N, C-alpha and C. Protein backbone atom coordinates (compact mmCIF):
# COMPACT_ATOMS: atom_id res chain seq x y z
N UNK A 1 158.17 -65.09 30.16
CA UNK A 1 157.50 -63.82 30.37
C UNK A 1 158.55 -62.79 30.79
N UNK A 2 158.44 -61.63 30.24
CA UNK A 2 159.31 -60.51 30.60
C UNK A 2 158.73 -59.85 31.85
N UNK A 3 159.31 -60.13 32.99
CA UNK A 3 158.77 -59.68 34.28
C UNK A 3 158.74 -58.16 34.36
N UNK A 4 159.76 -57.49 33.83
CA UNK A 4 159.81 -56.03 33.88
C UNK A 4 158.67 -55.41 33.08
N UNK A 5 158.42 -55.95 31.90
CA UNK A 5 157.34 -55.43 31.06
C UNK A 5 155.99 -55.70 31.71
N UNK A 6 155.83 -56.90 32.25
CA UNK A 6 154.59 -57.25 32.93
C UNK A 6 154.36 -56.30 34.12
N UNK A 7 155.39 -56.05 34.87
CA UNK A 7 155.29 -55.14 36.01
C UNK A 7 154.91 -53.73 35.57
N UNK A 8 155.47 -53.29 34.46
CA UNK A 8 155.12 -51.96 33.93
C UNK A 8 153.64 -51.91 33.56
N UNK A 9 153.14 -52.95 32.91
CA UNK A 9 151.73 -53.01 32.55
C UNK A 9 150.85 -52.96 33.80
N UNK A 10 151.19 -53.73 34.80
CA UNK A 10 150.40 -53.77 36.05
C UNK A 10 150.37 -52.39 36.70
N UNK A 11 151.52 -51.74 36.78
CA UNK A 11 151.58 -50.40 37.38
C UNK A 11 150.76 -49.40 36.56
N UNK A 12 150.81 -49.52 35.24
CA UNK A 12 150.04 -48.61 34.39
C UNK A 12 148.54 -48.79 34.61
N UNK A 13 148.11 -50.03 34.71
CA UNK A 13 146.68 -50.30 34.94
C UNK A 13 146.27 -49.81 36.33
N UNK A 14 147.10 -50.07 37.32
CA UNK A 14 146.79 -49.66 38.69
C UNK A 14 146.71 -48.14 38.82
N UNK A 15 147.50 -47.43 38.04
CA UNK A 15 147.51 -45.97 38.11
C UNK A 15 146.30 -45.36 37.42
N UNK A 16 145.66 -46.09 36.56
CA UNK A 16 144.53 -45.56 35.80
C UNK A 16 143.25 -45.74 36.62
N UNK A 17 142.60 -44.66 36.96
CA UNK A 17 141.42 -44.75 37.81
C UNK A 17 140.11 -44.78 37.04
N UNK A 18 140.15 -44.56 35.76
CA UNK A 18 138.93 -44.51 34.97
C UNK A 18 138.57 -45.90 34.43
N UNK A 19 137.43 -46.45 34.85
CA UNK A 19 137.00 -47.74 34.30
C UNK A 19 136.88 -47.72 32.78
N UNK A 20 136.46 -46.59 32.24
CA UNK A 20 136.31 -46.48 30.78
C UNK A 20 137.66 -46.64 30.08
N UNK A 21 138.69 -46.04 30.66
CA UNK A 21 140.02 -46.14 30.05
C UNK A 21 140.57 -47.56 30.18
N UNK A 22 140.36 -48.18 31.33
CA UNK A 22 140.82 -49.57 31.51
C UNK A 22 140.08 -50.48 30.54
N UNK A 23 138.79 -50.24 30.35
CA UNK A 23 138.02 -51.04 29.39
C UNK A 23 138.57 -50.87 27.97
N UNK A 24 138.88 -49.66 27.60
CA UNK A 24 139.47 -49.42 26.27
C UNK A 24 140.83 -50.09 26.15
N UNK A 25 141.63 -50.02 27.22
CA UNK A 25 142.94 -50.66 27.22
C UNK A 25 142.80 -52.16 26.98
N UNK A 26 141.90 -52.80 27.73
CA UNK A 26 141.68 -54.23 27.53
C UNK A 26 141.18 -54.52 26.13
N UNK A 27 140.34 -53.64 25.60
CA UNK A 27 139.84 -53.80 24.24
C UNK A 27 140.95 -53.74 23.21
N UNK A 28 141.96 -52.93 23.48
CA UNK A 28 143.09 -52.80 22.56
C UNK A 28 144.10 -53.94 22.72
N UNK A 29 144.28 -54.41 23.95
CA UNK A 29 145.31 -55.43 24.21
C UNK A 29 144.83 -56.86 24.01
N UNK A 30 143.56 -57.10 24.31
CA UNK A 30 143.05 -58.46 24.32
C UNK A 30 142.11 -58.72 23.16
N UNK A 31 142.11 -59.94 22.67
CA UNK A 31 141.16 -60.33 21.63
C UNK A 31 139.78 -60.49 22.28
N UNK A 32 138.73 -60.48 21.47
CA UNK A 32 137.40 -60.73 22.04
C UNK A 32 137.34 -62.05 22.82
N UNK A 33 138.00 -63.07 22.31
CA UNK A 33 138.02 -64.36 22.98
C UNK A 33 138.71 -64.27 24.35
N UNK A 34 139.81 -63.54 24.42
CA UNK A 34 140.52 -63.39 25.70
C UNK A 34 139.67 -62.61 26.70
N UNK A 35 138.96 -61.59 26.21
CA UNK A 35 138.08 -60.84 27.11
C UNK A 35 136.94 -61.73 27.61
N UNK A 36 136.41 -62.59 26.76
CA UNK A 36 135.37 -63.54 27.18
C UNK A 36 135.90 -64.51 28.22
N UNK A 37 137.12 -64.99 28.03
CA UNK A 37 137.74 -65.92 28.99
C UNK A 37 137.87 -65.28 30.37
N UNK A 38 138.31 -64.03 30.40
CA UNK A 38 138.46 -63.32 31.67
C UNK A 38 137.10 -63.12 32.33
N UNK A 39 136.11 -62.72 31.55
CA UNK A 39 134.76 -62.52 32.09
C UNK A 39 134.18 -63.83 32.63
N UNK A 40 134.43 -64.93 31.92
CA UNK A 40 133.94 -66.23 32.38
C UNK A 40 134.61 -66.63 33.70
N UNK A 41 135.90 -66.40 33.81
CA UNK A 41 136.60 -66.72 35.06
C UNK A 41 136.05 -65.89 36.20
N UNK A 42 135.78 -64.60 35.94
CA UNK A 42 135.24 -63.74 36.99
C UNK A 42 133.84 -64.19 37.39
N UNK A 43 133.03 -64.60 36.40
CA UNK A 43 131.68 -65.09 36.69
C UNK A 43 131.73 -66.36 37.54
N UNK A 44 132.67 -67.24 37.22
CA UNK A 44 132.86 -68.45 38.00
C UNK A 44 133.18 -68.11 39.46
N UNK A 45 134.09 -67.17 39.66
CA UNK A 45 134.46 -66.78 41.02
C UNK A 45 133.27 -66.15 41.74
N UNK A 46 132.50 -65.33 41.03
CA UNK A 46 131.30 -64.73 41.63
C UNK A 46 130.32 -65.79 42.08
N UNK A 47 130.10 -66.80 41.24
CA UNK A 47 129.16 -67.87 41.59
C UNK A 47 129.64 -68.63 42.83
N UNK A 48 130.93 -68.86 42.91
CA UNK A 48 131.47 -69.55 44.09
C UNK A 48 131.26 -68.72 45.35
N UNK A 49 131.51 -67.43 45.28
CA UNK A 49 131.30 -66.55 46.43
C UNK A 49 129.83 -66.53 46.83
N UNK A 50 128.93 -66.61 45.84
CA UNK A 50 127.49 -66.64 46.11
C UNK A 50 127.05 -67.96 46.74
N UNK A 51 127.93 -68.96 46.75
CA UNK A 51 127.61 -70.23 47.37
C UNK A 51 127.04 -71.29 46.44
N UNK A 52 127.12 -71.06 45.14
CA UNK A 52 126.62 -72.06 44.18
C UNK A 52 127.48 -73.31 44.23
N UNK A 53 126.86 -74.44 43.99
CA UNK A 53 127.59 -75.70 43.99
C UNK A 53 128.46 -75.81 42.75
N UNK A 54 129.51 -76.61 42.85
CA UNK A 54 130.40 -76.84 41.71
C UNK A 54 129.62 -77.42 40.53
N UNK A 55 128.73 -78.33 40.82
CA UNK A 55 127.94 -78.97 39.77
C UNK A 55 127.05 -77.95 39.06
N UNK A 56 126.39 -77.07 39.82
CA UNK A 56 125.51 -76.06 39.23
C UNK A 56 126.32 -75.09 38.37
N UNK A 57 127.50 -74.71 38.85
CA UNK A 57 128.35 -73.79 38.09
C UNK A 57 128.80 -74.45 36.79
N UNK A 58 129.21 -75.71 36.86
CA UNK A 58 129.66 -76.42 35.66
C UNK A 58 128.54 -76.47 34.62
N UNK A 59 127.33 -76.75 35.07
CA UNK A 59 126.19 -76.82 34.14
C UNK A 59 125.85 -75.45 33.58
N UNK A 60 125.81 -74.44 34.43
CA UNK A 60 125.42 -73.09 34.00
C UNK A 60 126.44 -72.51 33.01
N UNK A 61 127.72 -72.66 33.34
CA UNK A 61 128.75 -72.01 32.53
C UNK A 61 129.37 -72.92 31.48
N UNK A 62 129.07 -74.20 31.55
CA UNK A 62 129.62 -75.14 30.58
C UNK A 62 131.13 -75.28 30.67
N UNK A 63 131.61 -75.34 31.91
CA UNK A 63 133.07 -75.44 32.11
C UNK A 63 133.41 -76.70 32.89
N UNK A 64 134.67 -77.06 32.83
CA UNK A 64 135.13 -78.29 33.47
C UNK A 64 135.28 -78.10 34.98
N UNK A 65 135.15 -79.20 35.71
CA UNK A 65 135.35 -79.16 37.16
C UNK A 65 136.74 -78.66 37.55
N UNK A 66 137.74 -78.89 36.70
CA UNK A 66 139.10 -78.43 37.01
C UNK A 66 139.16 -76.92 37.15
N UNK A 67 138.47 -76.20 36.27
CA UNK A 67 138.45 -74.75 36.35
C UNK A 67 137.76 -74.28 37.62
N UNK A 68 136.72 -74.98 38.00
CA UNK A 68 135.99 -74.61 39.21
C UNK A 68 136.85 -74.87 40.44
N UNK A 69 137.56 -75.98 40.44
CA UNK A 69 138.45 -76.30 41.57
C UNK A 69 139.53 -75.24 41.71
N UNK A 70 140.09 -74.79 40.59
CA UNK A 70 141.11 -73.75 40.64
C UNK A 70 140.52 -72.47 41.25
N UNK A 71 139.33 -72.10 40.82
CA UNK A 71 138.67 -70.92 41.37
C UNK A 71 138.40 -71.07 42.86
N UNK A 72 137.98 -72.25 43.25
CA UNK A 72 137.71 -72.52 44.65
C UNK A 72 138.98 -72.36 45.50
N UNK A 73 140.10 -72.85 44.97
CA UNK A 73 141.38 -72.72 45.68
C UNK A 73 141.78 -71.25 45.85
N UNK A 74 141.53 -70.46 44.80
CA UNK A 74 141.84 -69.03 44.87
C UNK A 74 141.05 -68.39 46.01
N UNK A 75 139.78 -68.71 46.11
CA UNK A 75 138.92 -68.09 47.11
C UNK A 75 139.17 -68.60 48.52
N UNK A 76 139.74 -69.78 48.67
CA UNK A 76 140.04 -70.31 50.00
C UNK A 76 141.27 -69.63 50.61
N UNK A 77 142.09 -69.01 49.79
CA UNK A 77 143.28 -68.32 50.27
C UNK A 77 142.84 -67.06 51.02
N UNK A 78 143.17 -66.94 52.31
CA UNK A 78 142.72 -65.77 53.07
C UNK A 78 143.30 -64.44 52.56
N UNK A 79 144.36 -64.50 51.77
CA UNK A 79 144.96 -63.28 51.22
C UNK A 79 144.51 -63.01 49.78
N UNK A 80 143.52 -63.75 49.30
CA UNK A 80 143.05 -63.63 47.92
C UNK A 80 142.49 -62.24 47.63
N UNK A 81 143.05 -61.58 46.65
CA UNK A 81 142.55 -60.28 46.21
C UNK A 81 141.20 -60.45 45.53
N UNK A 82 141.05 -61.50 44.75
CA UNK A 82 139.77 -61.77 44.09
C UNK A 82 138.67 -61.89 45.12
N UNK A 83 138.91 -62.66 46.15
CA UNK A 83 137.91 -62.85 47.19
C UNK A 83 137.55 -61.53 47.87
N UNK A 84 138.55 -60.75 48.21
CA UNK A 84 138.31 -59.46 48.87
C UNK A 84 137.46 -58.55 47.98
N UNK A 85 137.77 -58.49 46.70
CA UNK A 85 137.00 -57.64 45.78
C UNK A 85 135.57 -58.15 45.64
N UNK A 86 135.42 -59.45 45.44
CA UNK A 86 134.09 -60.02 45.23
C UNK A 86 133.21 -59.89 46.47
N UNK A 87 133.80 -59.95 47.64
CA UNK A 87 133.02 -59.86 48.86
C UNK A 87 132.62 -58.42 49.21
N UNK A 88 133.25 -57.46 48.54
CA UNK A 88 132.95 -56.06 48.87
C UNK A 88 132.27 -55.30 47.75
N UNK A 89 131.99 -55.98 46.64
CA UNK A 89 131.32 -55.29 45.52
C UNK A 89 129.92 -55.82 45.32
N UNK A 90 129.07 -54.95 44.86
CA UNK A 90 127.69 -55.33 44.51
C UNK A 90 127.59 -55.48 43.01
N UNK A 91 127.35 -56.70 42.54
CA UNK A 91 127.12 -56.91 41.12
C UNK A 91 126.84 -58.33 40.82
């Protein structure tokens, strides 16, 4: 991975305050499958924050326990940005 290019992309996204523009950017950069993968990962994290069991999440989303464990580890980190966002947003 080209760290400089990745950093430039992150700064560009962070500087953009319009959700519509970020959505268009993702639409241009990512395939429909990649966008679905990101949405599925976010849904998994949301379900974990809501307190759903690993088994219920696996059945609902049709994903492996390994993916759920990874998500759980992310949320257990007290410095997790995902956790902070999910705990402060309504959706």
